[in-house]
């Protein structure tokens, strides 16, 4: 299980495995939806950006065993983290910033 399954369920993991990589800009233009709402399968998804970030973390072998959680506020990726995740936080932020549709990445410690 990776971040995608941990945060969004195994159905999303299966969806990601069944569909090749989606060209977010193209899909957003064709379907007239914001890029941050393009899902793993190229369809509208309120949490599309967060799910694509979770998949990117998995693809970059960031362990889901550390305390990281991914959410989105429109096109802003929000990464919440526990102290055990501080060593991978900068890498996670870099990965999130490269996901299509992300305009900003914020990191917030869990309190």
C-alpha atoms as a PDB file:
ATOM      1  CA  UNK A   1       0.000   0.000   0.000  1.00  0.00           C
ATOM      2  CA  UNK A   2       1.259   3.474  -0.845  1.00  0.00           C
ATOM      3  CA  UNK A   3       0.098   7.009  -0.127  1.00  0.00           C
ATOM      4  CA  UNK A   4      -2.631   6.782  -2.733  1.00  0.00           C
ATOM      5  CA  UNK A   5      -4.245   3.758  -1.060  1.00  0.00           C
ATOM      6  CA  UNK A   6      -3.566   5.023   2.450  1.00  0.00           C
ATOM      7  CA  UNK A   7      -5.183   8.407   1.848  1.00  0.00           C
ATOM      8  CA  UNK A   8      -7.852   7.672  -0.753  1.00  0.00           C
ATOM      9  CA  UNK A   9      -8.498   3.910  -0.764  1.00  0.00           C
ATOM     10  CA  UNK A  10      -7.535   0.944  -2.887  1.00  0.00           C
ATOM     11  CA  UNK A  11     -10.102   1.873  -5.549  1.00  0.00           C
ATOM     12  CA  UNK A  12      -7.954   4.880  -6.479  1.00  0.00           C
ATOM     13  CA  UNK A  13      -4.849   2.687  -6.612  1.00  0.00           C
ATOM     14  CA  UNK A  14      -6.667   0.370  -9.031  1.00  0.00           C
ATOM     15  CA  UNK A  15      -7.872   3.352 -11.084  1.00  0.00           C
ATOM     16  CA  UNK A  16      -4.320   4.693 -11.355  1.00  0.00           C
ATOM     17  CA  UNK A  17      -2.997   1.288 -12.421  1.00  0.00           C
ATOM     18  CA  UNK A  18      -5.677   0.879 -15.101  1.00  0.00           C
ATOM     19  CA  UNK A  19      -5.114   4.210 -16.832  1.00  0.00           C
ATOM     20  CA  UNK A  20      -1.907   5.426 -18.439  1.00  0.00           C
ATOM     21  CA  UNK A  21      -0.551   8.803 -17.416  1.00  0.00           C
ATOM     22  CA  UNK A  22      -3.039  11.598 -18.103  1.00  0.00           C
ATOM     23  CA  UNK A  23      -2.097  14.811 -19.906  1.00  0.00           C
ATOM     24  CA  UNK A  24      -3.726  17.155 -17.407  1.00  0.00           C
ATOM     25  CA  UNK A  25      -3.536  20.337 -19.502  1.00  0.00           C
ATOM     26  CA  UNK A  26      -5.089  18.624 -22.506  1.00  0.00           C
ATOM     27  CA  UNK A  27      -7.873  16.995 -20.495  1.00  0.00           C
ATOM     28  CA  UNK A  28      -8.615  20.228 -18.625  1.00  0.00           C
ATOM     29  CA  UNK A  29      -8.892  22.116 -21.900  1.00  0.00           C
ATOM     30  CA  UNK A  30     -11.031  19.467 -23.622  1.00  0.00           C
ATOM     31  CA  UNK A  31     -13.407  19.042 -20.680  1.00  0.00           C
ATOM     32  CA  UNK A  32     -13.300  22.700 -19.576  1.00  0.00           C
ATOM     33  CA  UNK A  33     -12.430  21.848 -15.983  1.00  0.00           C
ATOM     34  CA  UNK A  34      -9.664  23.366 -13.861  1.00  0.00           C
ATOM     35  CA  UNK A  35      -6.397  21.389 -13.985  1.00  0.00           C
ATOM     36  CA  UNK A  36      -6.473  20.861 -10.212  1.00  0.00           C
ATOM     37  CA  UNK A  37      -9.754  18.948 -10.586  1.00  0.00           C
ATOM     38  CA  UNK A  38      -8.507  16.441 -13.164  1.00  0.00           C
ATOM     39  CA  UNK A  39      -8.503  12.986 -11.612  1.00  0.00           C
ATOM     40  CA  UNK A  40      -6.209  10.028 -12.051  1.00  0.00           C
ATOM     41  CA  UNK A  41      -8.381   8.720 -14.876  1.00  0.00           C
ATOM     42  CA  UNK A  42      -8.748  12.065 -16.654  1.00  0.00           C
ATOM     43  CA  UNK A  43     -12.252  12.697 -15.359  1.00  0.00           C
ATOM     44  CA  UNK A  44     -13.501  15.442 -13.030  1.00  0.00           C
ATOM     45  CA  UNK A  45     -12.475  14.796  -9.410  1.00  0.00           C
ATOM     46  CA  UNK A  46     -12.749  17.318  -6.545  1.00  0.00           C
ATOM     47  CA  UNK A  47      -9.576  15.815  -5.044  1.00  0.00           C
ATOM     48  CA  UNK A  48      -7.817  15.185  -8.341  1.00  0.00           C
ATOM     49  CA  UNK A  49      -4.689  17.188  -7.567  1.00  0.00           C
ATOM     50  CA  UNK A  50      -4.231  15.637  -4.119  1.00  0.00           C
ATOM     51  CA  UNK A  51      -4.634  12.141  -5.586  1.00  0.00           C
ATOM     52  CA  UNK A  52      -2.103  12.865  -8.325  1.00  0.00           C
ATOM     53  CA  UNK A  53       0.330  14.208  -5.699  1.00  0.00           C
ATOM     54  CA  UNK A  54      -0.154  11.051  -3.592  1.00  0.00           C
ATOM     55  CA  UNK A  55       0.575   8.944  -6.670  1.00  0.00           C
ATOM     56  CA  UNK A  56       3.681  11.037  -7.426  1.00  0.00           C
ATOM     57  CA  UNK A  57       4.940  10.428  -3.886  1.00  0.00           C
ATOM     58  CA  UNK A  58       4.427   6.696  -4.449  1.00  0.00           C
ATOM     59  CA  UNK A  59       6.160   6.864  -7.831  1.00  0.00           C
ATOM     60  CA  UNK A  60       9.149   8.538  -6.130  1.00  0.00           C
ATOM     61  CA  UNK A  61       9.342   5.871  -3.413  1.00  0.00           C
ATOM     62  CA  UNK A  62       8.473   8.130  -0.490  1.00  0.00           C
ATOM     63  CA  UNK A  63       7.483   5.700   2.278  1.00  0.00           C
ATOM     64  CA  UNK A  64       3.859   5.899   3.324  1.00  0.00           C
ATOM     65  CA  UNK A  65       5.022   4.802   6.782  1.00  0.00           C
ATOM     66  CA  UNK A  66       6.000   8.387   7.665  1.00  0.00           C
ATOM     67  CA  UNK A  67       3.405  10.836   8.930  1.00  0.00           C
ATOM     68  CA  UNK A  68       2.531  12.760   5.752  1.00  0.00           C
ATOM     69  CA  UNK A  69      -0.963  13.610   4.560  1.00  0.00           C
ATOM     70  CA  UNK A  70      -1.891  15.341   1.326  1.00  0.00           C
ATOM     71  CA  UNK A  71      -4.878  17.577   0.704  1.00  0.00           C
ATOM     72  CA  UNK A  72      -5.722  20.432  -1.616  1.00  0.00           C
ATOM     73  CA  UNK A  73      -7.367  23.829  -1.410  1.00  0.00           C
ATOM     74  CA  UNK A  74      -8.218  24.526  -5.025  1.00  0.00           C
ATOM     75  CA  UNK A  75      -4.810  24.450  -6.754  1.00  0.00           C
ATOM     76  CA  UNK A  76      -2.778  24.663  -3.517  1.00  0.00           C
ATOM     77  CA  UNK A  77      -1.322  21.399  -2.241  1.00  0.00           C
ATOM     78  CA  UNK A  78      -1.362  21.145   1.543  1.00  0.00           C
ATOM     79  CA  UNK A  79       1.035  18.664   3.120  1.00  0.00           C
ATOM     80  CA  UNK A  80       0.486  17.995   6.807  1.00  0.00           C
ATOM     81  CA  UNK A  81       3.286  16.202   8.585  1.00  0.00           C
ATOM     82  CA  UNK A  82       4.411  14.639  11.839  1.00  0.00           C
ATOM     83  CA  UNK A  83       7.956  15.079  13.192  1.00  0.00           C
ATOM     84  CA  UNK A  84       8.950  11.657  11.780  1.00  0.00           C
ATOM     85  CA  UNK A  85       8.372  12.999   8.256  1.00  0.00           C
ATOM     86  CA  UNK A  86      10.619  16.058   8.494  1.00  0.00           C
ATOM     87  CA  UNK A  87      13.524  14.286   6.788  1.00  0.00           C
ATOM     88  CA  UNK A  88      11.450  13.690   3.622  1.00  0.00           C
ATOM     89  CA  UNK A  89       9.359  16.866   3.780  1.00  0.00           C
ATOM     90  CA  UNK A  90      11.483  18.961   1.403  1.00  0.00           C
ATOM     91  CA  UNK A  91      11.537  16.180  -1.182  1.00  0.00           C
ATOM     92  CA  UNK A  92       7.776  15.713  -0.824  1.00  0.00           C
ATOM     93  CA  UNK A  93       7.255  19.453  -1.365  1.00  0.00           C
ATOM     94  CA  UNK A  94       9.452  19.395  -4.488  1.00  0.00           C
ATOM     95  CA  UNK A  95       7.536  16.434  -5.896  1.00  0.00           C
ATOM     96  CA  UNK A  96       4.168  18.059  -5.147  1.00  0.00           C
ATOM     97  CA  UNK A  97       5.219  21.325  -6.803  1.00  0.00           C
ATOM     98  CA  UNK A  98       5.943  19.460 -10.043  1.00  0.00           C
ATOM     99  CA  UNK A  99       2.481  17.894 -10.306  1.00  0.00           C
ATOM    100  CA  UNK A 100       0.446  19.504 -13.061  1.00  0.00           C
ATOM    101  CA  UNK A 101      -2.181  21.870 -11.684  1.00  0.00           C
ATOM    102  CA  UNK A 102      -0.340  22.738  -8.466  1.00  0.00           C
ATOM    103  CA  UNK A 103       0.235  26.477  -8.091  1.00  0.00           C
ATOM    104  CA  UNK A 104       1.655  26.381  -4.571  1.00  0.00           C
ATOM    105  CA  UNK A 105       2.676  23.880  -1.886  1.00  0.00           C
ATOM    106  CA  UNK A 106       2.125  24.567   1.804  1.00  0.00           C
ATOM    107  CA  UNK A 107       3.468  22.418   4.617  1.00  0.00           C
ATOM    108  CA  UNK A 108       1.786  22.443   8.003  1.00  0.00           C
ATOM    109  CA  UNK A 109       2.880  20.502  11.073  1.00  0.00           C
ATOM    110  CA  UNK A 110       0.237  18.394  12.775  1.00  0.00           C
ATOM    111  CA  UNK A 111      -0.416  19.795  16.199  1.00  0.00           C
END
